[in-house]
């Protein structure tokens, strides 16, 4: 029987990405596949703390190895904000959040609009052990949105090496350069090792 790992998300896109990464060697289940589990409060001061808190809580509640991520945008000119508060930075939808960001950066010269997307991924096991990997994607914030793909701050996050915003990339291009893609690739050996223990 294939080992199972719980990816603590209801985002179908994230689940598909992880299934693609591990192939058929590990069965990936999401929160939608299990009875409801109370959501832990994400009150950590770092992405790593939030990812670990979620992974440990879901591993204990489900009895399965659990993978959880926390990610966000860190803008240098704003002292690293919105950071861990990226998803709660403004009331409303993704557009409301990036418009607030553009408003805060109004008048900031292009050279000082540097930013990075960061992702922390934690794999926790029932009973204690946990492993954390992190990924980063460097870029800058444009003065207006470009592109129709992605979500969150993708339309205003420009990647100089590609000459495109995150929202102008195909899903394959995005997973190749994104913070989440990097963290997933670093975690892959640990996920594949579940096969040996499963």
N, C-alpha and C. Protein backbone atom coordinates (compact mmCIF):
# COMPACT_ATOMS: atom_id res chain seq x y z
N UNK A 1 0.83 -1.19 0.00
CA UNK A 1 0.00 0.00 0.00
C UNK A 1 0.87 1.25 0.00
N UNK A 2 0.49 2.23 -0.81
CA UNK A 2 1.28 3.46 -0.89
C UNK A 2 1.14 4.27 0.40
N UNK A 3 2.25 4.89 0.85
CA UNK A 3 2.14 5.76 2.03
C UNK A 3 1.29 6.98 1.69
N UNK A 4 0.59 7.49 2.69
CA UNK A 4 -0.26 8.67 2.49
C UNK A 4 0.35 9.86 3.20
N UNK A 5 0.21 11.02 2.59
CA UNK A 5 0.61 12.26 3.24
C UNK A 5 -0.55 13.24 3.09
N UNK A 6 -0.84 13.96 4.16
CA UNK A 6 -1.89 14.96 4.13
C UNK A 6 -1.28 16.30 3.78
N UNK A 7 -1.75 16.91 2.69
CA UNK A 7 -1.34 18.28 2.38
C UNK A 7 -2.42 19.17 2.96
N UNK A 8 -2.05 19.94 3.99
CA UNK A 8 -3.03 20.71 4.75
C UNK A 8 -3.49 21.95 3.99
N UNK A 9 -4.28 21.71 2.96
CA UNK A 9 -4.83 22.79 2.14
C UNK A 9 -6.14 22.33 1.51
N UNK A 10 -6.95 23.29 1.09
CA UNK A 10 -8.14 22.96 0.30
C UNK A 10 -7.95 23.47 -1.13
N UNK A 11 -6.75 24.01 -1.42
CA UNK A 11 -6.45 24.57 -2.74
C UNK A 11 -6.10 23.43 -3.71
N UNK A 12 -7.01 23.19 -4.67
CA UNK A 12 -6.83 22.07 -5.61
C UNK A 12 -5.57 22.24 -6.45
N UNK A 13 -5.21 23.48 -6.77
CA UNK A 13 -4.02 23.74 -7.57
C UNK A 13 -2.75 23.32 -6.85
N UNK A 14 -2.69 23.61 -5.55
CA UNK A 14 -1.52 23.22 -4.76
C UNK A 14 -1.41 21.70 -4.66
N UNK A 15 -2.56 21.04 -4.48
CA UNK A 15 -2.57 19.57 -4.36
C UNK A 15 -2.08 18.95 -5.67
N UNK A 16 -2.55 19.48 -6.79
CA UNK A 16 -2.15 18.97 -8.11
C UNK A 16 -0.64 19.14 -8.29
N UNK A 17 -0.11 20.28 -7.87
CA UNK A 17 1.33 20.56 -7.98
C UNK A 17 2.14 19.54 -7.19
N UNK A 18 1.69 19.24 -5.96
CA UNK A 18 2.41 18.27 -5.14
C UNK A 18 2.31 16.87 -5.71
N UNK A 19 1.13 16.49 -6.20
CA UNK A 19 0.98 15.15 -6.80
C UNK A 19 1.91 15.01 -8.01
N UNK A 20 2.05 16.08 -8.78
CA UNK A 20 2.95 16.05 -9.93
C UNK A 20 4.40 15.87 -9.50
N UNK A 21 4.75 16.48 -8.38
CA UNK A 21 6.13 16.43 -7.89
C UNK A 21 6.51 15.05 -7.39
N UNK A 22 5.61 14.38 -6.66
CA UNK A 22 5.97 13.07 -6.07
C UNK A 22 5.56 11.90 -6.95
N UNK A 23 4.84 12.18 -8.06
CA UNK A 23 4.43 11.10 -8.95
C UNK A 23 3.48 10.15 -8.24
N UNK A 24 3.58 8.87 -8.57
CA UNK A 24 2.64 7.90 -7.98
C UNK A 24 3.18 7.19 -6.76
N UNK A 25 4.34 7.64 -6.26
CA UNK A 25 4.98 6.90 -5.16
C UNK A 25 4.34 7.14 -3.79
N UNK A 26 3.68 8.30 -3.66
CA UNK A 26 3.05 8.67 -2.39
C UNK A 26 1.63 9.14 -2.69
N UNK A 27 0.67 8.70 -1.88
CA UNK A 27 -0.71 9.16 -2.07
C UNK A 27 -0.91 10.48 -1.32
N UNK A 28 -1.23 11.53 -2.07
CA UNK A 28 -1.44 12.85 -1.47
C UNK A 28 -2.93 13.06 -1.26
N UNK A 29 -3.31 13.30 0.00
CA UNK A 29 -4.71 13.62 0.30
C UNK A 29 -4.76 15.07 0.81
N UNK A 30 -5.91 15.71 0.62
CA UNK A 30 -6.04 17.09 1.09
C UNK A 30 -7.08 17.14 2.21
N UNK A 31 -7.26 18.31 2.77
CA UNK A 31 -8.25 18.47 3.86
C UNK A 31 -9.65 18.14 3.37
N UNK A 32 -9.89 18.30 2.05
CA UNK A 32 -11.21 17.99 1.50
C UNK A 32 -11.51 16.49 1.53
N UNK A 33 -10.44 15.67 1.63
CA UNK A 33 -10.61 14.21 1.61
C UNK A 33 -10.86 13.62 3.00
N UNK A 34 -10.78 14.46 4.03
CA UNK A 34 -10.89 13.97 5.41
C UNK A 34 -12.06 14.63 6.12
N UNK A 35 -12.53 14.02 7.24
CA UNK A 35 -13.54 14.71 8.05
C UNK A 35 -12.98 16.06 8.51
N UNK A 36 -13.84 17.03 8.81
CA UNK A 36 -13.35 18.37 9.18
C UNK A 36 -12.39 18.34 10.37
N UNK A 37 -11.30 19.08 10.24
CA UNK A 37 -10.31 19.23 11.31
C UNK A 37 -10.26 20.73 11.65
N UNK A 38 -10.34 21.09 12.93
CA UNK A 38 -10.28 22.52 13.29
C UNK A 38 -8.99 23.16 12.77
N UNK A 39 -9.11 24.35 12.21
CA UNK A 39 -7.96 25.04 11.63
C UNK A 39 -7.14 25.72 12.73
N UNK A 40 -5.82 25.43 12.79
CA UNK A 40 -5.01 26.10 13.80
C UNK A 40 -4.88 27.59 13.52
N UNK A 41 -4.69 28.39 14.56
CA UNK A 41 -4.52 29.83 14.40
C UNK A 41 -3.09 30.11 13.93
N UNK A 42 -2.97 30.87 12.83
CA UNK A 42 -1.64 31.21 12.32
C UNK A 42 -1.18 32.51 12.97
N UNK A 43 -0.56 32.39 14.15
CA UNK A 43 -0.15 33.59 14.88
C UNK A 43 1.36 33.67 15.05
N UNK A 44 2.10 32.87 14.26
CA UNK A 44 3.55 32.92 14.31
C UNK A 44 4.09 34.21 13.71
N UNK A 45 5.31 34.56 14.09
CA UNK A 45 5.92 35.79 13.57
C UNK A 45 6.73 35.54 12.31
N UNK A 46 6.89 34.26 11.93
CA UNK A 46 7.62 33.92 10.71
C UNK A 46 6.82 32.91 9.90
N UNK A 47 7.15 32.80 8.60
CA UNK A 47 6.50 31.80 7.75
C UNK A 47 6.81 30.40 8.27
N UNK A 48 8.06 30.20 8.73
CA UNK A 48 8.46 28.88 9.24
C UNK A 48 7.62 28.48 10.45
N UNK A 49 7.40 29.43 11.38
CA UNK A 49 6.62 29.13 12.59
C UNK A 49 5.18 28.76 12.24
N UNK A 50 4.58 29.50 11.31
CA UNK A 50 3.20 29.21 10.92
C UNK A 50 3.08 27.87 10.21
N UNK A 51 4.01 27.58 9.30
CA UNK A 51 3.96 26.31 8.57
C UNK A 51 4.11 25.13 9.54
N UNK A 52 5.04 25.26 10.49
CA UNK A 52 5.26 24.17 11.44
C UNK A 52 4.06 23.99 12.36
N UNK A 53 3.49 25.10 12.80
CA UNK A 53 2.32 25.01 13.69
C UNK A 53 1.17 24.28 12.99
N UNK A 54 0.93 24.63 11.72
CA UNK A 54 -0.15 23.98 10.96
C UNK A 54 0.15 22.50 10.73
N UNK A 55 1.38 22.20 10.30
CA UNK A 55 1.73 20.81 9.98
C UNK A 55 1.61 19.92 11.22
N UNK A 56 2.13 20.40 12.35
CA UNK A 56 2.07 19.59 13.58
C UNK A 56 0.62 19.35 14.02
N UNK A 57 -0.21 20.40 13.94
CA UNK A 57 -1.61 20.27 14.36
C UNK A 57 -2.35 19.26 13.48
N UNK A 58 -2.13 19.34 12.17
CA UNK A 58 -2.84 18.43 11.26
C UNK A 58 -2.30 17.00 11.35
N UNK A 59 -1.00 16.84 11.62
CA UNK A 59 -0.43 15.50 11.78
C UNK A 59 -1.04 14.81 13.00
N UNK A 60 -1.15 15.55 14.10
CA UNK A 60 -1.72 14.97 15.33
C UNK A 60 -3.21 14.65 15.15
N UNK A 61 -3.93 15.56 14.49
CA UNK A 61 -5.38 15.38 14.33
C UNK A 61 -5.72 14.25 13.37
N UNK A 62 -4.88 14.06 12.33
CA UNK A 62 -5.21 13.08 11.29
C UNK A 62 -4.51 11.74 11.47
N UNK A 63 -3.39 11.74 12.23
CA UNK A 63 -2.61 10.52 12.35
C UNK A 63 -1.75 10.23 11.13
N UNK A 64 -1.67 11.19 10.20
CA UNK A 64 -0.88 11.04 8.98
C UNK A 64 0.28 12.03 8.99
N UNK A 65 1.37 11.72 8.28
CA UNK A 65 2.37 12.77 8.06
C UNK A 65 1.65 13.93 7.35
N UNK A 66 1.91 15.15 7.81
CA UNK A 66 1.19 16.30 7.25
C UNK A 66 2.16 17.35 6.74
N UNK A 67 1.82 17.91 5.59
CA UNK A 67 2.62 18.95 4.95
C UNK A 67 1.80 20.22 4.97
N UNK A 68 2.42 21.33 5.41
CA UNK A 68 1.71 22.61 5.42
C UNK A 68 2.67 23.69 4.94
N UNK A 69 2.12 24.71 4.29
CA UNK A 69 2.98 25.80 3.85
C UNK A 69 2.43 27.14 4.33
N UNK A 70 3.32 28.09 4.44
CA UNK A 70 2.93 29.47 4.69
C UNK A 70 3.82 30.32 3.80
N UNK A 71 3.23 31.27 3.13
CA UNK A 71 4.00 32.06 2.20
C UNK A 71 3.46 33.47 2.13
N UNK A 72 4.26 34.35 1.56
CA UNK A 72 3.83 35.73 1.43
C UNK A 72 4.86 36.58 0.73
N UNK A 73 4.57 37.85 0.66
CA UNK A 73 5.38 38.82 -0.05
C UNK A 73 6.08 39.74 0.95
N UNK A 74 7.38 39.90 0.78
CA UNK A 74 8.16 40.78 1.65
C UNK A 74 8.75 41.90 0.79
N UNK A 75 8.34 43.14 1.06
CA UNK A 75 8.77 44.30 0.27
C UNK A 75 9.80 45.09 1.09
N UNK A 76 10.98 45.26 0.51
CA UNK A 76 12.09 45.89 1.25
C UNK A 76 11.75 47.32 1.68
N UNK A 77 11.15 48.10 0.79
CA UNK A 77 10.84 49.50 1.11
C UNK A 77 9.81 49.62 2.23
N UNK A 78 9.08 48.52 2.51
CA UNK A 78 8.07 48.54 3.58
C UNK A 78 8.57 47.78 4.82
N UNK A 79 9.87 47.60 4.91
CA UNK A 79 10.43 46.91 6.07
C UNK A 79 10.05 45.44 6.15
N UNK A 80 9.80 44.84 4.98
CA UNK A 80 9.44 43.41 4.95
C UNK A 80 7.94 43.14 4.96
N UNK A 81 7.13 44.21 5.08
CA UNK A 81 5.68 44.00 5.01
C UNK A 81 5.28 43.73 3.56
N UNK A 82 4.12 43.10 3.32
CA UNK A 82 3.14 42.58 4.29
C UNK A 82 3.57 41.29 5.00
N UNK A 83 4.57 40.58 4.49
CA UNK A 83 5.12 39.42 5.21
C UNK A 83 4.08 38.38 5.58
N UNK A 84 4.11 37.96 6.86
CA UNK A 84 3.18 36.89 7.30
C UNK A 84 1.72 37.35 7.24
N UNK A 85 1.50 38.64 7.07
CA UNK A 85 0.12 39.16 6.98
C UNK A 85 -0.33 39.35 5.54
N UNK A 86 0.39 38.78 4.57
CA UNK A 86 0.10 39.01 3.15
C UNK A 86 -1.35 38.72 2.77
N UNK A 87 -1.90 37.61 3.30
CA UNK A 87 -3.28 37.23 2.94
C UNK A 87 -4.32 38.11 3.63
N UNK A 88 -3.90 38.79 4.72
CA UNK A 88 -4.84 39.61 5.48
C UNK A 88 -4.46 41.10 5.44
N UNK A 89 -3.69 41.46 4.44
CA UNK A 89 -3.11 42.81 4.32
C UNK A 89 -4.17 43.88 4.09
N UNK A 90 -5.24 43.52 3.38
CA UNK A 90 -6.33 44.47 3.12
C UNK A 90 -7.64 43.70 3.08
N UNK A 91 -8.73 44.38 3.42
CA UNK A 91 -10.07 43.78 3.31
C UNK A 91 -10.37 43.54 1.83
N UNK A 92 -11.07 42.43 1.55
CA UNK A 92 -11.50 42.21 0.17
C UNK A 92 -10.67 41.15 -0.52
N UNK A 93 -10.57 41.29 -1.85
CA UNK A 93 -9.97 40.24 -2.68
C UNK A 93 -8.49 40.53 -2.98
N UNK A 94 -7.90 39.68 -3.84
CA UNK A 94 -6.50 39.84 -4.23
C UNK A 94 -6.23 41.23 -4.79
N UNK A 95 -7.16 41.70 -5.63
CA UNK A 95 -6.97 43.01 -6.27
C UNK A 95 -6.89 44.12 -5.21
N UNK A 96 -7.74 44.03 -4.20
CA UNK A 96 -7.73 45.03 -3.12
C UNK A 96 -6.38 45.04 -2.41
N UNK A 97 -5.80 43.85 -2.25
CA UNK A 97 -4.51 43.76 -1.56
C UNK A 97 -3.39 44.37 -2.39
N UNK A 98 -3.34 44.03 -3.69
CA UNK A 98 -2.21 44.60 -4.45
C UNK A 98 -2.41 46.08 -4.73
N UNK A 99 -3.66 46.54 -4.78
CA UNK A 99 -3.89 47.99 -4.94
C UNK A 99 -3.44 48.76 -3.69
N UNK A 100 -3.67 48.17 -2.52
CA UNK A 100 -3.19 48.80 -1.29
C UNK A 100 -1.67 48.88 -1.30
N UNK A 101 -1.04 47.79 -1.75
CA UNK A 101 0.42 47.74 -1.83
C UNK A 101 0.94 48.83 -2.77
N UNK A 102 0.33 48.95 -3.95
CA UNK A 102 0.76 49.97 -4.92
C UNK A 102 0.59 51.37 -4.34
N UNK A 103 -0.48 51.56 -3.57
CA UNK A 103 -0.72 52.86 -2.93
C UNK A 103 0.38 53.19 -1.93
N UNK A 104 0.79 52.17 -1.14
CA UNK A 104 1.84 52.39 -0.15
C UNK A 104 3.19 52.68 -0.81
N UNK A 105 3.38 52.15 -2.01
CA UNK A 105 4.67 52.32 -2.70
C UNK A 105 4.66 53.50 -3.67
N UNK A 106 3.58 54.25 -3.70
CA UNK A 106 3.48 55.38 -4.64
C UNK A 106 4.64 56.35 -4.39
N UNK A 107 5.35 56.70 -5.47
CA UNK A 107 6.46 57.63 -5.35
C UNK A 107 7.80 56.99 -5.02
N UNK A 108 7.80 55.69 -4.68
CA UNK A 108 9.05 54.99 -4.40
C UNK A 108 9.74 54.67 -5.73
N UNK A 109 11.01 55.11 -5.90
CA UNK A 109 11.69 54.88 -7.18
C UNK A 109 11.85 53.39 -7.50
N UNK A 110 11.94 53.11 -8.80
CA UNK A 110 12.00 51.72 -9.28
C UNK A 110 13.11 50.92 -8.59
N UNK A 111 14.27 51.53 -8.41
CA UNK A 111 15.42 50.82 -7.82
C UNK A 111 15.18 50.41 -6.37
N UNK A 112 14.22 51.05 -5.72
CA UNK A 112 13.95 50.75 -4.31
C UNK A 112 12.69 49.91 -4.12
N UNK A 113 12.16 49.35 -5.22
CA UNK A 113 10.91 48.57 -5.13
C UNK A 113 11.18 47.07 -5.10
N UNK A 114 12.37 46.69 -4.61
CA UNK A 114 12.73 45.27 -4.56
C UNK A 114 11.86 44.52 -3.55
N UNK A 115 11.63 43.24 -3.85
CA UNK A 115 10.75 42.42 -3.01
C UNK A 115 11.08 40.95 -3.23
N UNK A 116 10.58 40.11 -2.35
CA UNK A 116 10.73 38.67 -2.56
C UNK A 116 9.48 37.95 -2.08
N UNK A 117 9.12 36.93 -2.84
CA UNK A 117 8.09 36.00 -2.39
C UNK A 117 8.83 34.94 -1.58
N UNK A 118 8.27 34.56 -0.43
CA UNK A 118 8.91 33.53 0.40
C UNK A 118 7.89 32.46 0.77
N UNK A 119 8.38 31.24 0.85
CA UNK A 119 7.51 30.11 1.23
C UNK A 119 8.25 29.22 2.21
N UNK A 120 7.58 28.86 3.28
CA UNK A 120 8.10 27.86 4.21
C UNK A 120 7.18 26.64 4.13
N UNK A 121 7.78 25.48 4.02
CA UNK A 121 7.04 24.23 3.90
C UNK A 121 7.48 23.33 5.04
N UNK A 122 6.53 22.78 5.78
CA UNK A 122 6.87 21.90 6.90
C UNK A 122 6.20 20.54 6.73
N UNK A 123 6.99 19.49 6.92
CA UNK A 123 6.48 18.12 6.94
C UNK A 123 6.59 17.64 8.38
N UNK A 124 5.45 17.37 9.00
CA UNK A 124 5.43 16.93 10.40
C UNK A 124 4.83 15.53 10.50
N UNK A 125 5.33 14.78 11.48
CA UNK A 125 4.87 13.41 11.70
C UNK A 125 4.12 13.32 13.02
N UNK A 126 3.09 12.47 13.10
CA UNK A 126 2.40 12.29 14.39
C UNK A 126 3.43 11.88 15.45
N UNK A 127 3.38 12.56 16.60
CA UNK A 127 4.31 12.20 17.65
C UNK A 127 5.58 13.03 17.68
N UNK A 128 5.73 13.98 16.75
CA UNK A 128 6.85 14.88 16.98
C UNK A 128 7.73 15.37 15.86
N UNK A 129 8.39 14.51 15.11
CA UNK A 129 9.42 14.96 14.17
C UNK A 129 8.87 15.91 13.12
N UNK A 130 9.65 16.95 12.78
CA UNK A 130 9.22 17.89 11.75
C UNK A 130 10.43 18.39 10.97
N UNK A 131 10.22 18.63 9.68
CA UNK A 131 11.27 19.13 8.80
C UNK A 131 10.74 20.37 8.09
N UNK A 132 11.54 21.45 8.05
CA UNK A 132 11.11 22.68 7.38
C UNK A 132 12.08 23.01 6.24
N UNK A 133 11.52 23.36 5.08
CA UNK A 133 12.32 23.84 3.95
C UNK A 133 11.76 25.19 3.52
N UNK A 134 12.63 26.06 3.00
CA UNK A 134 12.16 27.38 2.56
C UNK A 134 12.57 27.64 1.11
N UNK A 135 11.78 28.46 0.44
CA UNK A 135 12.08 28.88 -0.92
C UNK A 135 11.88 30.38 -1.05
N UNK A 136 12.62 31.00 -1.99
CA UNK A 136 12.51 32.45 -2.22
C UNK A 136 12.49 32.71 -3.71
N UNK A 137 11.80 33.76 -4.09
CA UNK A 137 11.84 34.24 -5.47
C UNK A 137 12.02 35.75 -5.40
N UNK A 138 13.12 36.24 -5.99
CA UNK A 138 13.45 37.66 -5.92
C UNK A 138 12.83 38.41 -7.10
N UNK A 139 12.39 39.63 -6.84
CA UNK A 139 11.84 40.45 -7.91
C UNK A 139 11.64 41.87 -7.47
N UNK A 140 10.70 42.55 -8.10
CA UNK A 140 10.39 43.93 -7.72
C UNK A 140 8.91 44.19 -7.98
N UNK A 141 8.41 45.27 -7.40
CA UNK A 141 7.00 45.61 -7.52
C UNK A 141 6.81 46.68 -8.60
N UNK A 142 5.97 46.38 -9.59
CA UNK A 142 5.68 47.34 -10.66
C UNK A 142 4.74 48.43 -10.14
N UNK A 143 4.44 49.39 -10.99
CA UNK A 143 3.50 50.46 -10.60
C UNK A 143 2.07 50.12 -10.99
N UNK A 144 1.88 49.02 -11.75
CA UNK A 144 0.54 48.59 -12.14
C UNK A 144 0.54 47.12 -12.48
N UNK A 145 -0.63 46.47 -12.51
CA UNK A 145 -0.70 45.02 -12.75
C UNK A 145 -0.46 44.65 -14.21
N UNK A 146 0.10 43.45 -14.41
CA UNK A 146 0.30 42.88 -15.75
C UNK A 146 0.08 41.37 -15.68
N UNK A 147 -0.68 40.84 -16.63
CA UNK A 147 -0.85 39.38 -16.70
C UNK A 147 -2.16 38.91 -16.11
N UNK A 148 -2.60 37.75 -16.58
CA UNK A 148 -3.92 37.24 -16.18
C UNK A 148 -3.86 35.92 -15.43
N UNK A 149 -2.66 35.39 -15.21
CA UNK A 149 -2.54 34.10 -14.51
C UNK A 149 -2.24 34.32 -13.04
N UNK A 150 -2.16 33.22 -12.31
CA UNK A 150 -1.75 33.30 -10.91
C UNK A 150 -2.81 33.90 -10.02
N UNK A 151 -2.37 34.34 -8.84
CA UNK A 151 -3.29 34.88 -7.85
C UNK A 151 -2.50 35.78 -6.91
N UNK A 152 -3.18 36.37 -5.95
CA UNK A 152 -2.50 37.20 -4.95
C UNK A 152 -1.80 38.39 -5.58
N UNK A 153 -0.52 38.53 -5.26
CA UNK A 153 0.27 39.68 -5.71
C UNK A 153 0.97 39.41 -7.05
N UNK A 154 0.70 38.26 -7.67
CA UNK A 154 1.39 37.88 -8.92
C UNK A 154 1.37 38.97 -10.00
N UNK A 155 0.24 39.70 -10.21
CA UNK A 155 0.23 40.68 -11.31
C UNK A 155 1.17 41.87 -11.14
N UNK A 156 1.61 42.14 -9.91
CA UNK A 156 2.49 43.30 -9.71
C UNK A 156 3.92 42.88 -9.35
N UNK A 157 4.18 41.56 -9.26
CA UNK A 157 5.52 41.06 -8.91
C UNK A 157 6.28 40.74 -10.19
N UNK A 158 7.31 41.54 -10.46
CA UNK A 158 8.09 41.44 -11.70
C UNK A 158 9.38 40.67 -11.44
N UNK A 159 9.67 39.71 -12.34
CA UNK A 159 10.89 38.91 -12.23
C UNK A 159 11.86 39.37 -13.31
N UNK A 160 12.88 40.16 -12.95
CA UNK A 160 13.78 40.74 -13.95
C UNK A 160 14.44 39.70 -14.86
N UNK A 161 14.81 38.55 -14.29
CA UNK A 161 15.51 37.52 -15.09
C UNK A 161 14.65 37.02 -16.25
N UNK A 162 13.32 37.08 -16.08
CA UNK A 162 12.41 36.60 -17.13
C UNK A 162 11.74 37.74 -17.90
N UNK A 163 11.83 38.95 -17.36
CA UNK A 163 11.19 40.09 -18.02
C UNK A 163 9.67 40.00 -17.98
N UNK A 164 9.13 39.28 -17.00
CA UNK A 164 7.68 39.08 -16.89
C UNK A 164 7.25 39.19 -15.44
N UNK A 165 5.95 39.46 -15.24
CA UNK A 165 5.40 39.35 -13.89
C UNK A 165 5.07 37.89 -13.63
N UNK A 166 4.86 37.56 -12.38
CA UNK A 166 4.48 36.19 -12.01
C UNK A 166 3.16 35.83 -12.69
N UNK A 167 2.29 36.82 -12.92
CA UNK A 167 0.98 36.57 -13.54
C UNK A 167 1.05 36.40 -15.05
N UNK A 168 2.24 36.63 -15.64
CA UNK A 168 2.42 36.43 -17.08
C UNK A 168 3.06 35.08 -17.39
N UNK A 169 3.36 34.30 -16.37
CA UNK A 169 4.01 33.00 -16.56
C UNK A 169 2.99 31.88 -16.72
N UNK A 170 3.36 30.85 -17.47
CA UNK A 170 2.53 29.64 -17.51
C UNK A 170 2.72 28.93 -16.17
N UNK A 171 1.86 27.96 -15.85
CA UNK A 171 2.00 27.26 -14.58
C UNK A 171 3.33 26.52 -14.51
N UNK A 172 3.81 26.00 -15.67
CA UNK A 172 5.10 25.30 -15.70
C UNK A 172 6.25 26.27 -15.43
N UNK A 173 6.20 27.45 -16.07
CA UNK A 173 7.24 28.46 -15.83
C UNK A 173 7.24 28.89 -14.37
N UNK A 174 6.03 29.08 -13.84
CA UNK A 174 5.90 29.56 -12.47
C UNK A 174 6.49 28.55 -11.48
N UNK A 175 6.18 27.26 -11.64
CA UNK A 175 6.69 26.28 -10.68
C UNK A 175 8.21 26.16 -10.79
N UNK A 176 8.77 26.54 -11.95
CA UNK A 176 10.22 26.48 -12.12
C UNK A 176 10.96 27.58 -11.37
N UNK A 177 10.31 28.72 -11.17
CA UNK A 177 10.99 29.86 -10.54
C UNK A 177 10.39 30.28 -9.20
N UNK A 178 9.21 29.80 -8.88
CA UNK A 178 8.51 30.33 -7.71
C UNK A 178 9.12 29.86 -6.39
N UNK A 179 8.82 30.64 -5.35
CA UNK A 179 9.23 30.32 -3.99
C UNK A 179 8.65 28.98 -3.55
N UNK A 180 7.38 28.72 -3.91
CA UNK A 180 6.74 27.47 -3.51
C UNK A 180 7.38 26.29 -4.25
N UNK A 181 7.66 26.50 -5.55
CA UNK A 181 8.30 25.46 -6.34
C UNK A 181 9.65 25.07 -5.76
N UNK A 182 10.42 26.08 -5.34
CA UNK A 182 11.75 25.81 -4.76
C UNK A 182 11.62 25.03 -3.46
N UNK A 183 10.69 25.45 -2.60
CA UNK A 183 10.50 24.75 -1.32
C UNK A 183 10.04 23.31 -1.54
N UNK A 184 9.13 23.11 -2.51
CA UNK A 184 8.67 21.76 -2.84
C UNK A 184 9.84 20.88 -3.30
N UNK A 185 10.68 21.43 -4.18
CA UNK A 185 11.80 20.63 -4.70
C UNK A 185 12.76 20.24 -3.58
N UNK A 186 12.98 21.15 -2.62
CA UNK A 186 13.86 20.83 -1.49
C UNK A 186 13.24 19.75 -0.60
N UNK A 187 11.90 19.73 -0.53
CA UNK A 187 11.20 18.78 0.34
C UNK A 187 11.03 17.41 -0.34
N UNK A 188 11.19 17.36 -1.64
CA UNK A 188 10.89 16.13 -2.39
C UNK A 188 11.60 14.88 -1.84
N UNK A 189 12.92 14.94 -1.52
CA UNK A 189 13.56 13.72 -1.00
C UNK A 189 12.89 13.18 0.27
N UNK A 190 12.47 14.08 1.15
CA UNK A 190 11.81 13.64 2.39
C UNK A 190 10.45 13.01 2.09
N UNK A 191 9.75 13.55 1.09
CA UNK A 191 8.44 12.99 0.72
C UNK A 191 8.62 11.61 0.07
N UNK A 192 9.63 11.49 -0.80
CA UNK A 192 9.86 10.21 -1.45
C UNK A 192 10.35 9.16 -0.44
N UNK A 193 11.01 9.63 0.63
CA UNK A 193 11.49 8.70 1.66
C UNK A 193 10.34 8.06 2.43
N UNK A 194 9.13 8.68 2.35
CA UNK A 194 7.96 8.10 3.01
C UNK A 194 7.67 6.72 2.46
N UNK A 195 8.04 6.53 1.17
CA UNK A 195 7.79 5.25 0.52
C UNK A 195 8.52 4.13 1.25
N UNK A 196 9.74 4.43 1.68
CA UNK A 196 10.56 3.42 2.37
C UNK A 196 9.98 3.09 3.75
N UNK A 197 9.39 4.11 4.38
CA UNK A 197 8.85 3.87 5.72
C UNK A 197 7.38 3.47 5.69
N UNK A 198 6.71 3.76 4.55
CA UNK A 198 5.28 3.48 4.48
C UNK A 198 5.02 2.01 4.29
